[in-house]
Amino acid sequence: MLVKQKEKTMKFNRYYDEYSDEKSYLLWEREDNKDVIITKMRGSKTYQVENLETGNSERFGSLRNAKSFGQIL
């Protein structure tokens, strides 16, 4: 029997650096597991996927690849 896996969705939030309005970063937070996040610094071309609970992290060049990896963390 085949069971279709439910796709995990990512919720998008944007936060600003509290010391400078010019520096900001983007944060994606997995809705079903708030310990898995993706961050991208302004001006950077890489996305970092982190599991805050385990400390595992990986960098990717595209948001699509980062989200795919974030689904398996």
N, C-alpha and C. Protein backbone atom coordinates (compact mmCIF):
# COMPACT_ATOMS: atom_id res chain seq x y z
N MET A 1 0.84 -1.17 0.00
CA MET A 1 0.00 0.00 0.00
C MET A 1 0.89 1.24 0.00
N LEU A 2 0.59 2.17 -0.88
CA LEU A 2 1.35 3.41 -0.96
C LEU A 2 0.68 4.47 -0.10
N VAL A 3 1.48 5.18 0.66
CA VAL A 3 0.96 6.25 1.50
C VAL A 3 1.64 7.53 1.07
N LYS A 4 0.86 8.51 0.70
CA LYS A 4 1.43 9.78 0.28
C LYS A 4 1.85 10.56 1.52
N GLN A 5 3.12 10.98 1.53
CA GLN A 5 3.62 11.74 2.67
C GLN A 5 3.13 13.18 2.57
N LYS A 6 2.60 13.67 3.67
CA LYS A 6 2.13 15.05 3.70
C LYS A 6 3.33 15.99 3.61
N GLU A 7 3.27 16.95 2.71
CA GLU A 7 4.36 17.90 2.54
C GLU A 7 4.42 18.84 3.74
N LYS A 8 5.60 19.02 4.27
CA LYS A 8 5.79 19.92 5.40
C LYS A 8 5.91 21.33 4.85
N THR A 9 5.15 22.24 5.40
CA THR A 9 5.17 23.61 4.88
C THR A 9 6.06 24.49 5.74
N MET A 10 6.61 25.50 5.12
CA MET A 10 7.48 26.42 5.81
C MET A 10 6.74 27.75 5.95
N LYS A 11 6.80 28.30 7.14
CA LYS A 11 6.18 29.58 7.42
C LYS A 11 7.25 30.66 7.28
N PHE A 12 6.92 31.76 6.65
CA PHE A 12 7.90 32.82 6.39
C PHE A 12 7.74 33.94 7.39
N ASN A 13 8.83 34.30 8.04
CA ASN A 13 8.87 35.45 8.93
C ASN A 13 10.11 36.28 8.59
N ARG A 14 10.03 37.57 8.76
CA ARG A 14 11.19 38.44 8.54
C ARG A 14 11.46 39.21 9.82
N TYR A 15 12.72 39.20 10.24
CA TYR A 15 13.12 39.89 11.45
C TYR A 15 14.20 40.90 11.10
N TYR A 16 14.33 41.94 11.90
CA TYR A 16 15.35 42.96 11.71
C TYR A 16 16.36 42.89 12.84
N ASP A 17 17.60 43.23 12.51
CA ASP A 17 18.65 43.36 13.51
C ASP A 17 18.27 44.50 14.44
N GLU A 18 18.31 44.27 15.74
CA GLU A 18 17.87 45.29 16.68
C GLU A 18 18.81 46.50 16.76
N TYR A 19 20.04 46.35 16.27
CA TYR A 19 21.00 47.45 16.35
C TYR A 19 21.05 48.28 15.08
N SER A 20 20.59 47.76 13.97
CA SER A 20 20.65 48.50 12.71
C SER A 20 19.48 48.10 11.82
N ASP A 21 18.76 49.08 11.34
CA ASP A 21 17.63 48.79 10.45
C ASP A 21 18.10 48.32 9.08
N GLU A 22 19.35 48.63 8.72
CA GLU A 22 19.86 48.25 7.41
C GLU A 22 20.18 46.77 7.32
N LYS A 23 20.67 46.20 8.41
CA LYS A 23 21.00 44.78 8.41
C LYS A 23 19.76 43.99 8.79
N SER A 24 19.39 43.07 7.97
CA SER A 24 18.24 42.24 8.30
C SER A 24 18.52 40.83 7.82
N TYR A 25 17.77 39.90 8.32
CA TYR A 25 17.86 38.54 7.84
C TYR A 25 16.47 37.98 7.67
N LEU A 26 16.37 36.98 6.84
CA LEU A 26 15.11 36.30 6.60
C LEU A 26 15.12 34.99 7.36
N LEU A 27 13.98 34.62 7.88
CA LEU A 27 13.88 33.39 8.64
C LEU A 27 12.66 32.63 8.18
N TRP A 28 12.85 31.35 7.85
CA TRP A 28 11.76 30.45 7.56
C TRP A 28 11.69 29.46 8.70
N GLU A 29 10.51 29.23 9.22
CA GLU A 29 10.32 28.35 10.36
C GLU A 29 9.34 27.26 9.98
N ARG A 30 9.70 26.00 10.20
CA ARG A 30 8.81 24.90 9.85
C ARG A 30 7.61 24.90 10.79
N GLU A 31 6.41 24.85 10.24
CA GLU A 31 5.20 24.95 11.04
C GLU A 31 5.02 23.79 12.01
N ASP A 32 5.43 22.59 11.61
CA ASP A 32 5.21 21.43 12.46
C ASP A 32 6.39 21.13 13.39
N ASN A 33 7.49 21.88 13.26
CA ASN A 33 8.65 21.67 14.12
C ASN A 33 9.41 22.99 14.19
N LYS A 34 9.16 23.77 15.21
CA LYS A 34 9.74 25.11 15.32
C LYS A 34 11.25 25.07 15.58
N ASP A 35 11.83 23.88 15.80
CA ASP A 35 13.27 23.77 16.00
C ASP A 35 14.03 23.73 14.68
N VAL A 36 13.34 23.59 13.55
CA VAL A 36 13.99 23.56 12.24
C VAL A 36 13.75 24.92 11.57
N ILE A 37 14.84 25.64 11.33
CA ILE A 37 14.73 26.97 10.72
C ILE A 37 15.71 27.11 9.56
N ILE A 38 15.39 28.03 8.67
CA ILE A 38 16.28 28.41 7.57
C ILE A 38 16.51 29.91 7.70
N THR A 39 17.78 30.32 7.64
CA THR A 39 18.09 31.74 7.71
C THR A 39 18.90 32.15 6.48
N LYS A 40 18.71 33.41 6.09
CA LYS A 40 19.49 34.01 4.99
C LYS A 40 19.80 35.44 5.37
N MET A 41 21.09 35.75 5.43
CA MET A 41 21.50 37.11 5.75
C MET A 41 21.31 38.01 4.53
N ARG A 42 20.95 39.25 4.77
CA ARG A 42 20.79 40.21 3.69
C ARG A 42 22.12 40.38 2.97
N GLY A 43 22.10 40.30 1.66
CA GLY A 43 23.31 40.42 0.86
C GLY A 43 24.04 39.11 0.64
N SER A 44 23.59 38.06 1.30
CA SER A 44 24.21 36.74 1.16
C SER A 44 23.47 35.94 0.10
N LYS A 45 24.17 34.96 -0.48
CA LYS A 45 23.53 34.10 -1.47
C LYS A 45 23.33 32.69 -0.94
N THR A 46 23.57 32.49 0.35
CA THR A 46 23.42 31.14 0.91
C THR A 46 22.33 31.11 1.98
N TYR A 47 21.72 29.95 2.09
CA TYR A 47 20.68 29.70 3.08
C TYR A 47 21.23 28.66 4.05
N GLN A 48 21.08 28.90 5.34
CA GLN A 48 21.54 27.96 6.34
C GLN A 48 20.35 27.29 7.01
N VAL A 49 20.34 25.97 6.95
CA VAL A 49 19.28 25.18 7.59
C VAL A 49 19.84 24.69 8.92
N GLU A 50 19.08 24.90 9.99
CA GLU A 50 19.53 24.49 11.32
C GLU A 50 18.44 23.74 12.06
N ASN A 51 18.86 22.74 12.81
CA ASN A 51 17.98 22.10 13.77
C ASN A 51 18.45 22.58 15.13
N LEU A 52 17.69 23.46 15.76
CA LEU A 52 18.10 24.09 17.01
C LEU A 52 18.22 23.08 18.15
N GLU A 53 17.47 22.01 18.08
CA GLU A 53 17.50 21.00 19.14
C GLU A 53 18.79 20.18 19.09
N THR A 54 19.21 19.77 17.89
CA THR A 54 20.39 18.91 17.75
C THR A 54 21.66 19.68 17.42
N GLY A 55 21.52 20.89 16.90
CA GLY A 55 22.68 21.67 16.51
C GLY A 55 23.18 21.37 15.10
N ASN A 56 22.53 20.47 14.38
CA ASN A 56 22.92 20.15 13.00
C ASN A 56 22.58 21.33 12.10
N SER A 57 23.51 21.63 11.16
CA SER A 57 23.25 22.70 10.20
C SER A 57 23.94 22.40 8.88
N GLU A 58 23.41 23.00 7.83
CA GLU A 58 23.94 22.80 6.47
C GLU A 58 23.64 24.07 5.67
N ARG A 59 24.50 24.40 4.71
CA ARG A 59 24.30 25.59 3.86
C ARG A 59 23.98 25.17 2.44
N PHE A 60 23.10 25.97 1.79
CA PHE A 60 22.67 25.69 0.42
C PHE A 60 22.65 26.97 -0.38
N GLY A 61 22.71 26.83 -1.70
CA GLY A 61 22.70 27.98 -2.60
C GLY A 61 21.32 28.37 -3.07
N SER A 62 20.29 27.57 -2.73
CA SER A 62 18.93 27.93 -3.14
C SER A 62 17.94 27.61 -2.02
N LEU A 63 16.88 28.38 -1.99
CA LEU A 63 15.85 28.17 -0.98
C LEU A 63 15.16 26.83 -1.18
N ARG A 64 14.96 26.42 -2.41
CA ARG A 64 14.31 25.14 -2.71
C ARG A 64 15.10 23.97 -2.09
N ASN A 65 16.42 23.97 -2.29
CA ASN A 65 17.25 22.90 -1.72
C ASN A 65 17.26 22.96 -0.20
N ALA A 66 17.29 24.16 0.35
CA ALA A 66 17.28 24.32 1.80
C ALA A 66 15.98 23.77 2.39
N LYS A 67 14.84 24.07 1.75
CA LYS A 67 13.57 23.58 2.25
C LYS A 67 13.48 22.06 2.14
N SER A 68 14.00 21.51 1.05
CA SER A 68 13.99 20.04 0.89
C SER A 68 14.79 19.38 2.00
N PHE A 69 15.95 19.93 2.31
CA PHE A 69 16.76 19.38 3.39
C PHE A 69 16.07 19.59 4.74
N GLY A 70 15.45 20.74 4.90
CA GLY A 70 14.75 21.05 6.16
C GLY A 70 13.58 20.14 6.45
N GLN A 71 13.03 19.53 5.42
CA GLN A 71 11.91 18.61 5.62
C GLN A 71 12.36 17.29 6.24
N ILE A 72 13.63 16.92 6.05
CA ILE A 72 14.09 15.64 6.58
C ILE A 72 14.78 15.77 7.93
N LEU A 73 15.03 17.00 8.39
CA LEU A 73 15.66 17.18 9.69
C LEU A 73 14.71 16.86 10.82
